[in-house]
PDB file of all heavy atoms in Angstrom:
ATOM      1  N   ALA A   1     -59.788  58.817  61.915  1.00  0.00           N
ATOM      2  CA  ALA A   1     -61.204  59.148  62.102  1.00  0.00           C
ATOM      3  C   ALA A   1     -61.805  59.666  60.805  1.00  0.00           C
ATOM      4  O   ALA A   1     -62.950  59.326  60.460  1.00  0.00           O
ATOM      5  CB  ALA A   1     -61.363  60.185  63.211  1.00  0.00           C
ATOM      6  N   LEU A   2     -61.051  60.485  60.052  1.00  0.00           N
ATOM      7  CA  LEU A   2     -61.553  61.009  58.787  1.00  0.00           C
ATOM      8  C   LEU A   2     -61.837  59.885  57.802  1.00  0.00           C
ATOM      9  O   LEU A   2     -62.892  59.869  57.161  1.00  0.00           O
ATOM     10  CB  LEU A   2     -60.547  61.990  58.197  1.00  0.00           C
ATOM     11  CG  LEU A   2     -60.890  62.550  56.816  1.00  0.00           C
ATOM     12  CD1 LEU A   2     -62.178  63.347  56.869  1.00  0.00           C
ATOM     13  CD2 LEU A   2     -59.745  63.420  56.284  1.00  0.00           C
ATOM     14  N   ASN A   3     -60.916  58.938  57.683  1.00  0.00           N
ATOM     15  CA  ASN A   3     -61.134  57.806  56.770  1.00  0.00           C
ATOM     16  C   ASN A   3     -62.344  56.993  57.192  1.00  0.00           C
ATOM     17  O   ASN A   3     -63.153  56.575  56.357  1.00  0.00           O
ATOM     18  CB  ASN A   3     -59.887  56.924  56.736  1.00  0.00           C
ATOM     19  CG  ASN A   3     -58.716  57.603  56.054  1.00  0.00           C
ATOM     20  OD1 ASN A   3     -58.900  58.422  55.168  1.00  0.00           O
ATOM     21  ND2 ASN A   3     -57.513  57.278  56.473  1.00  0.00           N
ATOM     22  N   ILE A   4     -62.483  56.767  58.489  1.00  0.00           N
ATOM     23  CA  ILE A   4     -63.622  55.991  58.989  1.00  0.00           C
ATOM     24  C   ILE A   4     -64.932  56.712  58.677  1.00  0.00           C
ATOM     25  O   ILE A   4     -65.914  56.101  58.245  1.00  0.00           O
ATOM     26  CB  ILE A   4     -63.473  55.756  60.503  1.00  0.00           C
ATOM     27  CG1 ILE A   4     -62.321  54.782  60.766  1.00  0.00           C
ATOM     28  CG2 ILE A   4     -64.767  55.214  61.098  1.00  0.00           C
ATOM     29  CD1 ILE A   4     -61.951  54.659  62.223  1.00  0.00           C
ATOM     30  N   ILE A   5     -64.956  58.029  58.898  1.00  0.00           N
ATOM     31  CA  ILE A   5     -66.174  58.807  58.632  1.00  0.00           C
ATOM     32  C   ILE A   5     -66.563  58.714  57.161  1.00  0.00           C
ATOM     33  O   ILE A   5     -67.735  58.486  56.829  1.00  0.00           O
ATOM     34  CB  ILE A   5     -65.959  60.273  59.050  1.00  0.00           C
ATOM     35  CG1 ILE A   5     -65.816  60.386  60.571  1.00  0.00           C
ATOM     36  CG2 ILE A   5     -67.133  61.142  58.583  1.00  0.00           C
ATOM     37  CD1 ILE A   5     -65.321  61.745  61.031  1.00  0.00           C
ATOM     38  N   LEU A   6     -65.598  58.866  56.273  1.00  0.00           N
ATOM     39  CA  LEU A   6     -65.895  58.830  54.838  1.00  0.00           C
ATOM     40  C   LEU A   6     -66.422  57.456  54.421  1.00  0.00           C
ATOM     41  O   LEU A   6     -67.425  57.358  53.699  1.00  0.00           O
ATOM     42  CB  LEU A   6     -64.639  59.173  54.045  1.00  0.00           C
ATOM     43  CG  LEU A   6     -64.117  60.611  54.181  1.00  0.00           C
ATOM     44  CD1 LEU A   6     -62.813  60.779  53.422  1.00  0.00           C
ATOM     45  CD2 LEU A   6     -65.148  61.608  53.681  1.00  0.00           C
ATOM     46  N   TYR A   7     -65.768  56.393  54.871  1.00  0.00           N
ATOM     47  CA  TYR A   7     -66.216  55.049  54.498  1.00  0.00           C
ATOM     48  C   TYR A   7     -67.592  54.733  55.090  1.00  0.00           C
ATOM     49  O   TYR A   7     -68.430  54.105  54.430  1.00  0.00           O
ATOM     50  CB  TYR A   7     -65.193  54.011  54.949  1.00  0.00           C
ATOM     51  CG  TYR A   7     -63.939  53.993  54.116  1.00  0.00           C
ATOM     52  CD1 TYR A   7     -62.688  54.181  54.697  1.00  0.00           C
ATOM     53  CD2 TYR A   7     -63.995  53.817  52.740  1.00  0.00           C
ATOM     54  CE1 TYR A   7     -61.530  54.185  53.929  1.00  0.00           C
ATOM     55  CE2 TYR A   7     -62.848  53.826  51.962  1.00  0.00           C
ATOM     56  CZ  TYR A   7     -61.624  54.005  52.559  1.00  0.00           C
ATOM     57  OH  TYR A   7     -60.489  54.008  51.804  1.00  0.00           O
ATOM     58  N   CYS A   8     -67.834  55.148  56.330  1.00  0.00           N
ATOM     59  CA  CYS A   8     -69.133  54.888  56.957  1.00  0.00           C
ATOM     60  C   CYS A   8     -70.249  55.691  56.292  1.00  0.00           C
ATOM     61  O   CYS A   8     -71.390  55.214  56.193  1.00  0.00           O
ATOM     62  CB  CYS A   8     -69.069  55.199  58.450  1.00  0.00           C
ATOM     63  SG  CYS A   8     -68.143  53.989  59.415  1.00  0.00           S
ATOM     64  N   GLU A   9     -69.949  56.894  55.854  1.00  0.00           N
ATOM     65  CA  GLU A   9     -70.957  57.686  55.141  1.00  0.00           C
ATOM     66  C   GLU A   9     -71.303  57.022  53.797  1.00  0.00           C
ATOM     67  O   GLU A   9     -72.472  57.026  53.380  1.00  0.00           O
ATOM     68  CB  GLU A   9     -70.445  59.107  54.906  1.00  0.00           C
ATOM     69  CG  GLU A   9     -70.333  59.955  56.164  1.00  0.00           C
ATOM     70  CD  GLU A   9     -71.673  60.524  56.604  1.00  0.00           C
ATOM     71  OE1 GLU A   9     -72.651  60.391  55.854  1.00  0.00           O
ATOM     72  OE2 GLU A   9     -71.726  61.104  57.703  1.00  0.00           O
ATOM     73  N   LEU A  10     -70.308  56.459  53.122  1.00  0.00           N
ATOM     74  CA  LEU A  10     -70.588  55.714  51.892  1.00  0.00           C
ATOM     75  C   LEU A  10     -71.425  54.473  52.190  1.00  0.00           C
ATOM     76  O   LEU A  10     -72.341  54.132  51.430  1.00  0.00           O
ATOM     77  CB  LEU A  10     -69.272  55.322  51.215  1.00  0.00           C
ATOM     78  CG  LEU A  10     -68.491  56.461  50.554  1.00  0.00           C
ATOM     79  CD1 LEU A  10     -67.144  55.973  50.058  1.00  0.00           C
ATOM     80  CD2 LEU A  10     -69.292  57.054  49.390  1.00  0.00           C
ATOM     81  N   LEU A  11     -71.101  53.775  53.283  1.00  0.00           N
ATOM     82  CA  LEU A  11     -71.927  52.633  53.704  1.00  0.00           C
ATOM     83  C   LEU A  11     -73.358  53.071  53.966  1.00  0.00           C
ATOM     84  O   LEU A  11     -74.318  52.382  53.571  1.00  0.00           O
ATOM     85  CB  LEU A  11     -71.322  52.006  54.957  1.00  0.00           C
ATOM     86  CG  LEU A  11     -72.181  50.935  55.656  1.00  0.00           C
ATOM     87  CD1 LEU A  11     -72.346  49.713  54.757  1.00  0.00           C
ATOM     88  CD2 LEU A  11     -71.563  50.536  56.997  1.00  0.00           C
ATOM     89  N   ALA A  12     -73.522  54.216  54.621  1.00  0.00           N
ATOM     90  CA  ALA A  12     -74.870  54.729  54.915  1.00  0.00           C
ATOM     91  C   ALA A  12     -75.648  54.989  53.632  1.00  0.00           C
ATOM     92  O   ALA A  12     -76.849  54.704  53.547  1.00  0.00           O
ATOM     93  CB  ALA A  12     -74.768  55.998  55.750  1.00  0.00           C
ATOM     94  N   ALA A  13     -74.980  55.531  52.615  1.00  0.00           N
ATOM     95  CA  ALA A  13     -75.656  55.790  51.339  1.00  0.00           C
ATOM     96  C   ALA A  13     -76.116  54.489  50.695  1.00  0.00           C
ATOM     97  O   ALA A  13     -77.245  54.399  50.186  1.00  0.00           O
ATOM     98  CB  ALA A  13     -74.722  56.549  50.400  1.00  0.00           C
ATOM     99  N   LEU A  14     -75.280  53.463  50.725  1.00  0.00           N
ATOM    100  CA  LEU A  14     -75.662  52.169  50.154  1.00  0.00           C
ATOM    101  C   LEU A  14     -76.839  51.558  50.899  1.00  0.00           C
ATOM    102  O   LEU A  14     -77.770  51.023  50.286  1.00  0.00           O
ATOM    103  CB  LEU A  14     -74.462  51.220  50.181  1.00  0.00           C
ATOM    104  CG  LEU A  14     -73.277  51.588  49.278  1.00  0.00           C
ATOM    105  CD1 LEU A  14     -72.126  50.614  49.497  1.00  0.00           C
ATOM    106  CD2 LEU A  14     -73.704  51.574  47.808  1.00  0.00           C
ATOM    107  N   VAL A  15     -76.802  51.629  52.225  1.00  0.00           N
ATOM    108  CA  VAL A  15     -77.900  51.075  53.025  1.00  0.00           C
ATOM    109  C   VAL A  15     -79.194  51.838  52.756  1.00  0.00           C
ATOM    110  O   VAL A  15     -80.270  51.234  52.629  1.00  0.00           O
ATOM    111  CB  VAL A  15     -77.546  51.126  54.526  1.00  0.00           C
ATOM    112  CG1 VAL A  15     -78.753  50.741  55.382  1.00  0.00           C
ATOM    113  CG2 VAL A  15     -76.378  50.187  54.827  1.00  0.00           C
ATOM    114  N   GLN A  16     -79.087  53.151  52.635  1.00  0.00           N
ATOM    115  CA  GLN A  16     -80.291  53.942  52.371  1.00  0.00           C
ATOM    116  C   GLN A  16     -80.910  53.584  51.022  1.00  0.00           C
ATOM    117  O   GLN A  16     -82.136  53.428  50.916  1.00  0.00           O
ATOM    118  CB  GLN A  16     -79.952  55.426  52.416  1.00  0.00           C
ATOM    119  CG  GLN A  16     -81.165  56.333  52.257  1.00  0.00           C
ATOM    120  CD  GLN A  16     -80.806  57.795  52.388  1.00  0.00           C
ATOM    121  OE1 GLN A  16     -79.787  58.140  52.998  1.00  0.00           O
ATOM    122  NE2 GLN A  16     -81.622  58.664  51.809  1.00  0.00           N
ATOM    123  N   PHE A  17     -80.074  53.427  49.993  1.00  0.00           N
ATOM    124  CA  PHE A  17     -80.595  53.023  48.686  1.00  0.00           C
ATOM    125  C   PHE A  17     -81.237  51.638  48.751  1.00  0.00           C
ATOM    126  O   PHE A  17     -82.258  51.384  48.109  1.00  0.00           O
ATOM    127  CB  PHE A  17     -79.475  53.034  47.644  1.00  0.00           C
ATOM    128  CG  PHE A  17     -79.131  54.403  47.147  1.00  0.00           C
ATOM    129  CD1 PHE A  17     -77.816  54.857  47.157  1.00  0.00           C
ATOM    130  CD2 PHE A  17     -80.111  55.264  46.672  1.00  0.00           C
ATOM    131  CE1 PHE A  17     -77.492  56.115  46.698  1.00  0.00           C
ATOM    132  CE2 PHE A  17     -79.800  56.526  46.209  1.00  0.00           C
ATOM    133  CZ  PHE A  17     -78.481  56.958  46.223  1.00  0.00           C
ATOM    134  N   MET A  18     -80.641  50.742  49.531  1.00  0.00           N
ATOM    135  CA  MET A  18     -81.207  49.402  49.657  1.00  0.00           C
ATOM    136  C   MET A  18     -82.583  49.444  50.314  1.00  0.00           C
ATOM    137  O   MET A  18     -83.526  48.783  49.851  1.00  0.00           O
ATOM    138  CB  MET A  18     -80.268  48.518  50.487  1.00  0.00           C
ATOM    139  CG  MET A  18     -80.771  47.087  50.657  1.00  0.00           C
ATOM    140  SD  MET A  18     -79.730  46.127  51.782  1.00  0.00           S
ATOM    141  CE  MET A  18     -80.132  46.926  53.352  1.00  0.00           C
ATOM    142  N   VAL A  19     -82.713  50.235  51.372  1.00  0.00           N
ATOM    143  CA  VAL A  19     -84.006  50.338  52.064  1.00  0.00           C
ATOM    144  C   VAL A  19     -85.057  50.945  51.143  1.00  0.00           C
ATOM    145  O   VAL A  19     -86.204  50.465  51.077  1.00  0.00           O
ATOM    146  CB  VAL A  19     -83.851  51.183  53.344  1.00  0.00           C
ATOM    147  CG1 VAL A  19     -85.215  51.426  53.993  1.00  0.00           C
ATOM    148  CG2 VAL A  19     -82.921  50.486  54.335  1.00  0.00           C
ATOM    149  N   LEU A  20     -84.698  51.988  50.401  1.00  0.00           N
ATOM    150  CA  LEU A  20     -85.665  52.654  49.539  1.00  0.00           C
ATOM    151  C   LEU A  20     -86.083  51.788  48.350  1.00  0.00           C
ATOM    152  O   LEU A  20     -87.184  51.965  47.809  1.00  0.00           O
ATOM    153  CB  LEU A  20     -85.083  53.978  49.023  1.00  0.00           C
ATOM    154  CG  LEU A  20     -84.779  55.037  50.086  1.00  0.00           C
ATOM    155  CD1 LEU A  20     -84.205  56.285  49.432  1.00  0.00           C
ATOM    156  CD2 LEU A  20     -86.022  55.374  50.886  1.00  0.00           C
ATOM    157  N   SER A  21     -85.230  50.860  47.961  1.00  0.00           N
ATOM    158  CA  SER A  21     -85.560  50.011  46.808  1.00  0.00           C
ATOM    159  C   SER A  21     -86.446  48.832  47.170  1.00  0.00           C
ATOM    160  O   SER A  21     -87.019  48.198  46.287  1.00  0.00           O
ATOM    161  CB  SER A  21     -84.266  49.489  46.159  1.00  0.00           C
ATOM    162  OG  SER A  21     -83.566  48.642  47.060  1.00  0.00           O
ATOM    163  N   LEU A  22     -86.585  48.542  48.456  1.00  0.00           N
ATOM    164  CA  LEU A  22     -87.393  47.394  48.878  1.00  0.00           C
ATOM    165  C   LEU A  22     -88.853  47.801  49.025  1.00  0.00           C
ATOM    166  O   LEU A  22     -89.172  48.930  49.411  1.00  0.00           O
ATOM    167  CB  LEU A  22     -86.883  46.849  50.211  1.00  0.00           C
ATOM    168  CG  LEU A  22     -85.499  46.187  50.194  1.00  0.00           C
ATOM    169  CD1 LEU A  22     -85.086  45.822  51.618  1.00  0.00           C
ATOM    170  CD2 LEU A  22     -85.507  44.953  49.300  1.00  0.00           C
ATOM    171  N   PRO A  23     -89.777  46.867  48.732  1.00  0.00           N
ATOM    172  CA  PRO A  23     -91.202  47.174  48.925  1.00  0.00           C
ATOM    173  C   PRO A  23     -91.586  47.047  50.399  1.00  0.00           C
ATOM    174  O   PRO A  23     -90.851  46.489  51.215  1.00  0.00           O
ATOM    175  CB  PRO A  23     -91.897  46.095  48.074  1.00  0.00           C
ATOM    176  CG  PRO A  23     -90.949  44.929  48.116  1.00  0.00           C
ATOM    177  CD  PRO A  23     -89.573  45.526  48.150  1.00  0.00           C
ATOM    178  N   GLN A  24     -92.754  47.561  50.712  1.00  0.00           N
ATOM    179  CA  GLN A  24     -93.309  47.339  52.036  1.00  0.00           C
ATOM    180  C   GLN A  24     -93.748  45.874  52.155  1.00  0.00           C
ATOM    181  O   GLN A  24     -94.159  45.280  51.170  1.00  0.00           O
ATOM    182  CB  GLN A  24     -94.511  48.265  52.276  1.00  0.00           C
ATOM    183  CG  GLN A  24     -94.152  49.721  52.435  1.00  0.00           C
ATOM    184  CD  GLN A  24     -93.499  50.024  53.786  1.00  0.00           C
ATOM    185  OE1 GLN A  24     -93.199  49.123  54.567  1.00  0.00           O
ATOM    186  NE2 GLN A  24     -93.267  51.302  54.036  1.00  0.00           N
ATOM    187  N   PRO A  25     -93.651  45.239  53.312  1.00  0.00           N
ATOM    188  CA  PRO A  25     -93.264  45.809  54.611  1.00  0.00           C
ATOM    189  C   PRO A  25     -91.773  45.735  54.905  1.00  0.00           C
ATOM    190  O   PRO A  25     -91.346  46.067  56.006  1.00  0.00           O
ATOM    191  CB  PRO A  25     -94.041  44.929  55.586  1.00  0.00           C
ATOM    192  CG  PRO A  25     -94.034  43.575  54.937  1.00  0.00           C
ATOM    193  CD  PRO A  25     -94.124  43.835  53.451  1.00  0.00           C
ATOM    194  N   TRP A  26     -90.958  45.276  53.923  1.00  0.00           N
ATOM    195  CA  TRP A  26     -89.537  45.090  54.194  1.00  0.00           C
ATOM    196  C   TRP A  26     -88.823  46.409  54.460  1.00  0.00           C
ATOM    197  O   TRP A  26     -87.956  46.478  55.344  1.00  0.00           O
ATOM    198  CB  TRP A  26     -88.889  44.360  53.020  1.00  0.00           C
ATOM    199  CG  TRP A  26     -89.536  43.047  52.714  1.00  0.00           C
ATOM    200  CD1 TRP A  26     -90.298  42.741  51.628  1.00  0.00           C
ATOM    201  CD2 TRP A  26     -89.506  41.881  53.535  1.00  0.00           C
ATOM    202  NE1 TRP A  26     -90.754  41.443  51.712  1.00  0.00           N
ATOM    203  CE2 TRP A  26     -90.272  40.883  52.872  1.00  0.00           C
ATOM    204  CE3 TRP A  26     -88.918  41.559  54.750  1.00  0.00           C
ATOM    205  CZ2 TRP A  26     -90.457  39.613  53.400  1.00  0.00           C
ATOM    206  CZ3 TRP A  26     -89.101  40.282  55.278  1.00  0.00           C
ATOM    207  CH2 TRP A  26     -89.857  39.335  54.603  1.00  0.00           C
TER     208      TRP A  26
END
């Protein structure tokens, strides 16, 4: 569970950066 949490949190950071880098309306 600890390994899964760490990897998923890193995935969340990548997804968040991707969303913030896109223009509206994307």
